Amino acid sequence: MTISPLASPFPVLPAIAGVTPRVARAHYKNWDRCDLTFVTFAEGTTAAGVLTQSKCPSPEVEWCRKALILGNARALVVNAGNSNAFTGARGRTAVEAIAARTAQTLGCQPSDVYVASTGVIGVPLPIDKAEAGLDAAFVADVCSWQDATDTIGTTDTFPKAATTSAIVDGKTVNLVGIIKGSGMIAPDMATMLGFIFTDAAVDGAFLQGCLAAANEKTFSCITVDSDTSTSDTVLAFATGRAGNAPLTSSDDDGADAFAAALADLCRQLAHLVVRDGEGATKFIRIDVEGAESDRSAHRIAMSVANSPLVKTAIAGEDANWGRVVMAVGKAGEPAERDQLAIRFGTTQVAEGGLAVAGYDEAPVAAHLKGSDVEIGVDLGLGEGRATVWTCDLTHGYISINADYRS
């Protein structure tokens, strides 16, 4: 598969104390690659997560939702090539079998095992292959972060990962995140599989609050194609091996620094997913301000980001700002035509409901020739604002998805 022209190089990632990744081949598809990721955690590890709001979730999502109530973690199992979604009792049995086999091996409770799967919808995950893959993973050598990232991918064209750090209680704590996602990206929390690991000591409830807040401004602000997956899962695991006093509230020493580092990590990962959008050639930032509320601004920004007409215009480097007007108007949010202003890059193209006097399209055309494109919308109604990120829509997206099951 051709690597996205927007790809970023794989970063140097630190080891996270208390986290041990391994990979194996379960042979979920007829391919010559590892497709099962197995990560173990030190005792005392806490977990948090955000999961798809799809009304047709996979059994893995339902399993993680229940496990997160307890918030303890000893292992993570990720299957690539089969989403196990819309598979009825057989799919649920497969998840239960994976958790039970892993728990028996580690001597923990099944609820300490988190499971995620990605791939084709409607095909039950074969239990025999899953168990054989697990048995191989249990005895496999410890792998690199890049091996783990490669293994969770499906239509991804490059491995996506990021790292940050923070000072908490006088200790340096490290965070590492790996993620997969390229298509079926329209967050109703986060449309992909993402896994975050930190050696910080963090109470599960506080970790959940930090992740939910970070998600709202990052993963839930990206879109590739307006389609929300049945399997969306972002999980965070904190091993406590950095030796800091456990974070339990925002008043604790270093709590703000940790929350900011987590948000930064999530933002990096979210941007990488957009940069690997199926067929993408442009990374697009959309800023909306002057809305009646932040929620209204977000909906308008997503309307622009999900518009096929806007996305194809940018793919063709066509400065057709009228399509942005269209997308604002159809969002169903308060907007006043004669107060609307639009810019591309730093160039104002319309304001007061009209093209600006003496509008020169040349600098806009030049901006659109770059790989990073910015669109600004000011509704002039209030203080609400939002930023979302998307990519252009090209023939490549059609080619990838027309042949997805072939």
Protein backbone atom coordinates (compact mmCIF):
# COMPACT_ATOMS: atom_id res chain seq x y z
CA MET A 1 0.00 0.00 0.00
CA THR A 2 1.30 3.45 -0.92
CA ILE A 3 2.35 5.44 2.13
CA SER A 4 0.31 8.60 2.73
CA PRO A 5 2.05 11.76 1.46
CA LEU A 6 1.16 13.27 4.85
CA ALA A 7 2.92 10.51 6.82
CA SER A 8 5.10 11.29 9.82
CA PRO A 9 8.19 9.23 10.74
CA PHE A 10 7.86 6.80 13.62
CA PRO A 11 9.14 8.54 16.78
CA VAL A 12 11.66 7.28 19.31
CA LEU A 13 9.55 6.01 22.20
CA PRO A 14 10.67 5.28 25.74
CA ALA A 15 9.95 2.02 27.51
CA ILE A 16 7.13 2.31 30.03
CA ALA A 17 7.86 0.55 33.32
CA GLY A 18 5.22 -2.07 34.02
CA VAL A 19 4.19 -2.45 30.34
CA THR A 20 5.33 -5.45 28.28
CA PRO A 21 4.19 -5.73 24.63
CA ARG A 22 4.34 -8.86 22.48
CA VAL A 23 2.93 -9.78 19.07
CA ALA A 24 2.00 -13.02 17.32
CA ARG A 25 0.30 -14.44 14.26
CA ALA A 26 -3.27 -15.60 14.69
CA HIS A 27 -3.79 -15.81 10.91
CA TYR A 28 -7.11 -13.98 10.97
CA LYS A 29 -6.55 -13.20 7.29
CA ASN A 30 -4.45 -14.72 4.56
CA TRP A 31 -1.49 -12.42 5.12
CA ASP A 32 2.13 -12.83 6.13
CA ARG A 33 2.21 -10.59 9.21
CA CYS A 34 1.49 -10.51 12.92
CA ASP A 35 -2.13 -9.69 13.70
CA LEU A 36 -2.48 -10.19 17.47
CA THR A 37 -1.02 -7.76 20.00
CA PHE A 38 -0.68 -8.86 23.62
CA VAL A 39 0.33 -6.35 26.30
CA THR A 40 0.71 -7.20 29.98
CA PHE A 41 0.66 -4.74 32.87
CA ALA A 42 2.15 -4.77 36.33
CA GLU A 43 -0.19 -5.45 39.21
CA GLY A 44 -1.94 -2.31 40.41
CA THR A 45 -2.34 -0.83 36.92
CA THR A 46 -5.42 1.36 36.52
CA ALA A 47 -7.43 1.78 33.31
CA ALA A 48 -9.67 4.35 31.65
CA GLY A 49 -11.37 4.45 28.29
CA VAL A 50 -13.66 6.17 25.81
CA LEU A 51 -15.76 3.95 23.55
CA THR A 52 -17.95 4.30 20.49
CA GLN A 53 -21.48 5.61 20.89
CA SER A 54 -22.59 3.48 17.93
CA LYS A 55 -25.84 1.63 18.60
CA CYS A 56 -24.30 -1.42 16.92
CA PRO A 57 -21.13 -1.84 19.03
CA SER A 58 -18.87 -4.86 18.89
CA PRO A 59 -18.83 -7.31 21.80
CA GLU A 60 -15.28 -6.11 22.52
CA VAL A 61 -16.65 -2.61 23.15
CA GLU A 62 -19.32 -3.99 25.46
CA TRP A 63 -16.70 -6.06 27.29
CA CYS A 64 -14.41 -3.06 27.81
CA ARG A 65 -17.32 -0.91 28.95
CA LYS A 66 -18.04 -3.37 31.77
CA ALA A 67 -14.36 -3.85 32.65
CA LEU A 68 -13.88 -0.10 32.95
CA ILE A 69 -16.39 0.01 35.79
CA LEU A 70 -13.80 -1.78 37.93
CA GLY A 71 -10.88 0.06 36.30
CA ASN A 72 -8.15 -2.55 36.91
CA ALA A 73 -5.88 -3.90 34.17
CA ARG A 74 -3.43 -6.76 33.75
CA ALA A 75 -3.58 -7.30 29.99
CA LEU A 76 -4.67 -5.96 26.61
CA VAL A 77 -5.40 -8.13 23.56
CA VAL A 78 -5.88 -6.51 20.14
CA ASN A 79 -6.97 -8.48 17.05
CA ALA A 80 -6.44 -7.06 13.55
CA GLY A 81 -8.23 -8.21 10.41
CA ASN A 82 -11.58 -9.07 11.98
CA SER A 83 -13.71 -6.58 13.93
CA ASN A 84 -15.97 -9.35 15.35
CA ALA A 85 -18.80 -6.79 15.20
CA PHE A 86 -22.40 -7.79 14.42
CA THR A 87 -21.64 -11.44 15.15
CA GLY A 88 -24.19 -12.28 17.86
CA ALA A 89 -23.54 -14.89 20.52
CA ARG A 90 -20.55 -16.31 18.64
CA GLY A 91 -18.78 -12.96 18.83
CA ARG A 92 -19.46 -12.58 22.54
CA THR A 93 -18.24 -16.12 23.18
CA ALA A 94 -14.98 -15.34 21.38
CA VAL A 95 -14.30 -12.30 23.57
CA GLU A 96 -15.11 -14.26 26.72
CA ALA A 97 -12.76 -17.06 25.60
CA ILE A 98 -9.91 -14.60 24.96
CA ALA A 99 -10.34 -12.97 28.36
CA ALA A 100 -10.63 -16.30 30.17
CA ARG A 101 -7.55 -17.83 28.54
CA THR A 102 -5.50 -14.72 29.22
CA ALA A 103 -6.69 -14.46 32.82
CA GLN A 104 -5.87 -18.10 33.46
CA THR A 105 -2.34 -17.59 32.15
CA LEU A 106 -1.74 -14.44 34.19
CA GLY A 107 -3.58 -15.54 37.31
CA CYS A 108 -5.95 -12.58 37.25
CA GLN A 109 -9.66 -11.95 36.79
CA PRO A 110 -11.15 -11.93 33.25
CA SER A 111 -12.33 -8.37 33.97
CA ASP A 112 -8.65 -7.34 34.19
CA VAL A 113 -8.25 -8.21 30.49
CA TYR A 114 -9.22 -5.66 27.82
CA VAL A 115 -10.00 -6.80 24.29
CA ALA A 116 -10.26 -4.83 21.04
CA SER A 117 -10.67 -5.96 17.43
CA THR A 118 -10.59 -4.21 14.06
CA GLY A 119 -11.37 -5.29 10.51
CA VAL A 120 -14.33 -6.53 8.50
CA ILE A 121 -17.76 -6.34 10.16
CA GLY A 122 -20.07 -9.36 10.30
CA VAL A 123 -17.54 -12.20 10.47
CA PRO A 124 -17.28 -14.00 13.85
CA LEU A 125 -13.78 -14.02 15.31
CA PRO A 126 -12.55 -17.64 15.04
CA ILE A 127 -11.90 -18.82 18.59
CA ASP A 128 -9.42 -21.48 17.52
CA LYS A 129 -7.24 -18.90 15.75
CA ALA A 130 -7.55 -16.45 18.63
CA GLU A 131 -6.47 -19.06 21.17
CA ALA A 132 -3.61 -20.28 19.00
CA GLY A 133 -2.47 -16.68 18.54
CA LEU A 134 -2.64 -16.07 22.27
CA ASP A 135 -0.65 -19.20 23.03
CA ALA A 136 2.05 -17.95 20.64
CA ALA A 137 1.96 -14.48 22.18
CA PHE A 138 2.29 -15.79 25.74
CA VAL A 139 5.77 -17.18 24.93
CA ALA A 140 6.87 -14.59 22.35
CA ASP A 141 9.81 -12.27 22.89
CA VAL A 142 9.09 -8.74 24.05
CA CYS A 143 8.59 -6.59 20.96
CA SER A 144 9.26 -2.96 20.06
CA TRP A 145 6.64 -0.23 20.08
CA GLN A 146 6.81 -0.15 16.30
CA ASP A 147 6.11 -3.89 16.06
CA ALA A 148 3.08 -3.44 18.31
CA THR A 149 1.88 -0.48 16.26
CA ASP A 150 2.33 -2.30 12.95
CA THR A 151 0.36 -5.24 14.29
CA ILE A 152 -2.78 -3.30 15.25
CA GLY A 153 -3.07 -1.71 11.79
CA THR A 154 -5.40 -2.63 8.91
CA THR A 155 -5.66 -0.11 6.05
CA ASP A 156 -3.11 2.15 7.76
CA THR A 157 -0.28 3.17 5.44
CA PHE A 158 2.19 4.06 8.21
CA PRO A 159 2.55 3.21 11.92
CA LYS A 160 1.29 5.97 14.19
CA ALA A 161 2.60 6.69 17.68
CA ALA A 162 3.56 9.58 19.95
CA THR A 163 5.10 10.32 23.34
CA THR A 164 5.02 13.04 25.98
CA SER A 165 6.19 13.48 29.56
CA ALA A 166 5.35 15.54 32.63
CA ILE A 167 6.71 16.31 36.08
CA VAL A 168 4.41 14.88 38.75
CA ASP A 169 5.27 15.08 42.44
CA GLY A 170 8.88 15.80 41.49
CA LYS A 171 9.09 12.69 39.29
CA THR A 172 9.29 12.53 35.49
CA VAL A 173 6.41 10.43 34.19
CA ASN A 174 6.33 9.20 30.59
CA LEU A 175 3.37 8.61 28.30
CA VAL A 176 3.36 6.59 25.07
CA GLY A 177 0.46 6.19 22.68
CA ILE A 178 -0.05 3.94 19.65
CA ILE A 179 -3.03 4.19 17.34
CA LYS A 180 -4.57 2.78 14.20
CA GLY A 181 -7.12 4.42 11.96
CA SER A 182 -7.42 5.52 8.36
CA GLY A 183 -11.06 5.15 7.28
CA MET A 184 -14.45 4.92 8.98
CA ILE A 185 -13.37 8.01 10.88
CA ALA A 186 -16.15 10.25 12.22
CA PRO A 187 -15.87 10.44 15.95
CA ASP A 188 -18.75 9.88 18.26
CA MET A 189 -15.93 9.67 20.79
CA ALA A 190 -13.05 8.35 18.73
CA THR A 191 -13.13 6.44 15.48
CA MET A 192 -10.18 4.11 15.70
CA LEU A 193 -8.27 1.93 18.15
CA GLY A 194 -5.86 3.83 20.37
CA PHE A 195 -3.88 2.70 23.39
CA ILE A 196 -2.06 4.95 25.85
CA PHE A 197 0.47 3.76 28.41
CA THR A 198 2.03 5.70 31.28
CA ASP A 199 4.20 4.87 34.27
CA ALA A 200 2.44 7.55 36.34
CA ALA A 201 0.45 6.52 39.41
CA VAL A 202 -3.07 7.71 38.66
CA ASP A 203 -6.34 6.84 40.36
CA GLY A 204 -8.70 5.22 37.87
CA ALA A 205 -11.47 7.78 38.30
CA PHE A 206 -9.08 10.70 37.83
CA LEU A 207 -7.51 9.01 34.79
CA GLN A 208 -10.99 8.56 33.32
CA GLY A 209 -11.76 12.24 33.82
CA CYS A 210 -8.50 13.33 32.19
CA LEU A 211 -9.00 11.02 29.20
CA ALA A 212 -12.62 12.09 28.68
CA ALA A 213 -11.62 15.76 28.74
CA ALA A 214 -8.73 15.16 26.33
CA ASN A 215 -10.96 13.16 23.99
CA GLU A 216 -13.49 15.97 23.75
CA LYS A 217 -10.89 18.31 22.23
CA THR A 218 -8.94 15.79 20.16
CA PHE A 219 -10.32 12.44 19.01
CA SER A 220 -13.87 13.80 18.93
CA CYS A 221 -12.67 16.66 16.72
CA ILE A 222 -11.40 14.62 13.77
CA THR A 223 -13.18 13.16 10.77
CA VAL A 224 -12.15 11.50 7.52
CA ASP A 225 -15.40 10.31 6.00
CA SER A 226 -18.29 10.95 8.44
CA ASP A 227 -18.68 7.23 9.29
CA THR A 228 -18.58 6.16 12.95
CA SER A 229 -17.14 2.70 13.61
CA THR A 230 -18.75 -0.09 15.61
CA SER A 231 -15.43 -0.74 17.34
CA ASP A 232 -14.04 2.65 18.39
CA THR A 233 -11.90 2.23 21.48
CA VAL A 234 -9.30 4.40 23.20
CA LEU A 235 -7.87 2.96 26.40
CA ALA A 236 -5.33 4.42 28.83
CA PHE A 237 -3.32 2.37 31.32
CA ALA A 238 -1.32 3.76 34.26
CA THR A 239 1.14 1.37 35.92
CA GLY A 240 2.24 3.58 38.83
CA ARG A 241 5.88 2.57 38.41
CA ALA A 242 7.19 6.16 38.19
CA GLY A 243 6.98 6.40 41.96
CA ASN A 244 4.90 9.57 42.23
CA ALA A 245 2.22 10.03 44.86
CA PRO A 246 -0.96 8.78 43.15
CA LEU A 247 -2.96 11.46 41.38
CA THR A 248 -6.52 11.49 42.66
CA SER A 249 -7.75 15.02 41.88
CA SER A 250 -6.84 18.18 40.01
CA ASP A 251 -5.55 19.65 43.28
CA ASP A 252 -2.66 17.15 43.51
CA ASP A 253 0.91 18.20 42.74
CA GLY A 254 1.49 17.72 39.01
CA ALA A 255 -2.13 16.88 38.18
CA ASP A 256 -2.47 19.76 35.74
CA ALA A 257 0.83 18.85 34.09
CA PHE A 258 -0.26 15.25 33.67
CA ALA A 259 -3.64 16.24 32.23
CA ALA A 260 -1.95 18.63 29.79
CA ALA A 261 0.56 15.95 28.71
CA LEU A 262 -2.25 13.45 28.14
CA ALA A 263 -4.21 15.99 26.09
CA ASP A 264 -1.11 16.75 24.03
CA LEU A 265 -0.53 13.05 23.39
CA CYS A 266 -4.15 12.57 22.30
CA ARG A 267 -3.89 15.56 19.96
CA GLN A 268 -0.76 14.17 18.34
CA LEU A 269 -2.40 10.78 17.83
CA ALA A 270 -5.62 12.29 16.47
CA HIS A 271 -3.70 14.34 13.92
CA LEU A 272 -1.78 11.25 12.78
CA VAL A 273 -5.05 9.45 12.04
CA VAL A 274 -6.20 12.32 9.83
CA ARG A 275 -2.81 12.41 8.10
CA ASP A 276 -3.38 8.77 7.19
CA GLY A 277 -6.95 9.32 6.00
CA GLU A 278 -7.69 6.98 3.14
CA GLY A 279 -6.55 8.69 -0.06
CA ALA A 280 -5.65 11.92 1.76
CA THR A 281 -3.32 14.50 0.23
CA LYS A 282 -4.25 17.52 2.39
CA PHE A 283 -4.42 17.97 6.18
CA ILE A 284 -7.20 20.48 6.87
CA ARG A 285 -7.74 22.55 10.02
CA ILE A 286 -11.13 24.23 10.43
CA ASP A 287 -11.54 27.00 13.02
CA VAL A 288 -15.03 28.25 13.84
CA GLU A 289 -15.55 31.25 16.12
CA GLY A 290 -18.32 33.68 16.91
CA ALA A 291 -20.91 30.94 17.39
CA GLU A 292 -23.63 31.03 20.02
CA SER A 293 -21.88 28.25 21.97
CA ASP A 294 -18.87 25.94 21.76
CA ARG A 295 -21.22 23.05 21.00
CA SER A 296 -22.78 24.97 18.12
CA ALA A 297 -19.32 25.90 16.80
CA HIS A 298 -18.28 22.24 16.90
CA ARG A 299 -21.33 21.14 14.91
CA ILE A 300 -20.73 23.81 12.29
CA ALA A 301 -17.04 22.91 12.04
CA MET A 302 -17.91 19.23 11.58
CA SER A 303 -20.47 20.15 8.91
CA VAL A 304 -17.71 21.87 6.96
CA ALA A 305 -15.23 19.05 7.63
CA ASN A 306 -17.65 16.33 6.48
CA SER A 307 -18.85 18.09 3.33
CA PRO A 308 -17.83 16.10 0.22
CA LEU A 309 -18.05 19.31 -1.80
CA VAL A 310 -15.66 21.17 0.50
CA LYS A 311 -13.27 18.21 0.68
CA THR A 312 -13.19 17.62 -3.08
CA ALA A 313 -12.68 21.32 -3.77
CA ILE A 314 -9.62 21.28 -1.55
CA ALA A 315 -8.40 18.08 -3.20
CA GLY A 316 -8.62 19.94 -6.50
CA GLU A 317 -6.99 23.05 -4.99
CA ASP A 318 -10.08 25.03 -5.96
CA ALA A 319 -10.71 28.16 -3.87
CA ASN A 320 -14.47 27.61 -3.92
CA TRP A 321 -15.40 29.29 -0.64
CA GLY A 322 -19.08 29.17 -1.56
CA ARG A 323 -19.04 25.52 -0.54
CA VAL A 324 -18.02 26.55 2.98
CA VAL A 325 -21.02 28.90 3.07
CA MET A 326 -23.19 25.96 2.04
CA ALA A 327 -21.78 23.72 4.79
CA VAL A 328 -22.32 26.40 7.46
CA GLY A 329 -25.88 26.94 6.33
CA LYS A 330 -26.83 23.26 6.37
CA ALA A 331 -25.45 22.58 9.86
CA GLY A 332 -28.77 23.38 11.53
CA GLU A 333 -27.10 25.76 13.97
CA PRO A 334 -27.72 29.49 14.47
CA ALA A 335 -26.07 31.51 11.70
CA GLU A 336 -26.71 34.95 10.20
CA ARG A 337 -25.84 35.17 6.54
CA ASP A 338 -25.00 38.87 6.58
CA GLN A 339 -22.62 38.50 9.54
CA LEU A 340 -20.70 35.50 8.21
CA ALA A 341 -16.97 35.81 7.47
CA ILE A 342 -14.70 33.19 5.88
CA ARG A 343 -10.95 32.95 5.39
CA PHE A 344 -8.54 30.51 3.75
CA GLY A 345 -5.17 30.54 5.44
CA THR A 346 -4.57 34.17 6.43
CA THR A 347 -6.60 35.56 3.53
CA GLN A 348 -10.08 36.88 4.23
CA VAL A 349 -12.31 35.90 1.32
CA ALA A 350 -15.77 36.91 2.57
CA GLU A 351 -17.30 39.02 5.31
CA GLY A 352 -20.64 40.62 5.99
CA GLY A 353 -22.27 38.05 3.73
CA LEU A 354 -20.26 39.12 0.68
CA ALA A 355 -16.94 38.53 -1.02
CA VAL A 356 -14.45 41.07 0.33
CA ALA A 357 -13.90 44.14 -1.82
CA GLY A 358 -11.06 43.63 -4.26
CA TYR A 359 -10.86 39.90 -3.45
CA ASP A 360 -7.77 38.36 -5.03
CA GLU A 361 -7.91 34.59 -5.36
CA ALA A 362 -4.18 34.18 -6.03
CA PRO A 363 -2.99 33.90 -2.38
CA VAL A 364 -5.80 31.47 -1.60
CA ALA A 365 -4.87 29.32 -4.59
CA ALA A 366 -1.26 29.35 -3.40
CA HIS A 367 -2.34 28.30 0.11
CA LEU A 368 -4.36 25.39 -1.28
CA LYS A 369 -1.33 24.04 -3.12
CA GLY A 370 0.30 23.23 0.21
CA SER A 371 -0.27 20.02 2.16
CA ASP A 372 -1.64 21.86 5.21
CA VAL A 373 -4.80 23.90 4.65
CA GLU A 374 -6.64 26.19 7.07
CA ILE A 375 -10.27 27.34 6.85
CA GLY A 376 -11.65 29.96 9.23
CA VAL A 377 -15.32 30.76 9.85
CA ASP A 378 -16.60 33.63 12.02
CA LEU A 379 -20.35 33.71 12.62
CA GLY A 380 -20.31 36.99 14.54
CA LEU A 381 -22.98 35.82 16.98
CA GLY A 382 -21.26 35.02 20.26
CA GLU A 383 -18.21 33.59 22.00
CA GLY A 384 -18.48 29.95 20.94
CA ARG A 385 -15.47 28.44 19.19
CA ALA A 386 -14.17 25.05 18.05
CA THR A 387 -11.36 23.53 16.02
CA VAL A 388 -11.63 20.29 14.07
CA TRP A 389 -9.30 18.49 11.68
CA THR A 390 -10.04 16.56 8.52
CA CYS A 391 -8.51 15.65 5.15
CA ASP A 392 -9.47 16.03 1.52
CA LEU A 393 -11.52 13.53 -0.46
CA THR A 394 -9.80 11.99 -3.48
CA HIS A 395 -10.21 9.10 -5.91
CA GLY A 396 -7.90 7.16 -3.60
CA TYR A 397 -10.62 6.91 -0.96
CA ILE A 398 -12.99 5.32 -3.47
CA SER A 399 -10.36 2.86 -4.69
CA ILE A 400 -9.45 1.71 -1.18
CA ASN A 401 -13.02 1.19 -0.03
CA ALA A 402 -14.40 -0.27 -3.23
CA ASP A 403 -11.85 -3.09 -2.89
CA TYR A 404 -11.79 -3.37 0.92
CA ARG A 405 -13.02 -6.97 1.13
CA SER A 406 -11.31 -8.19 -2.04
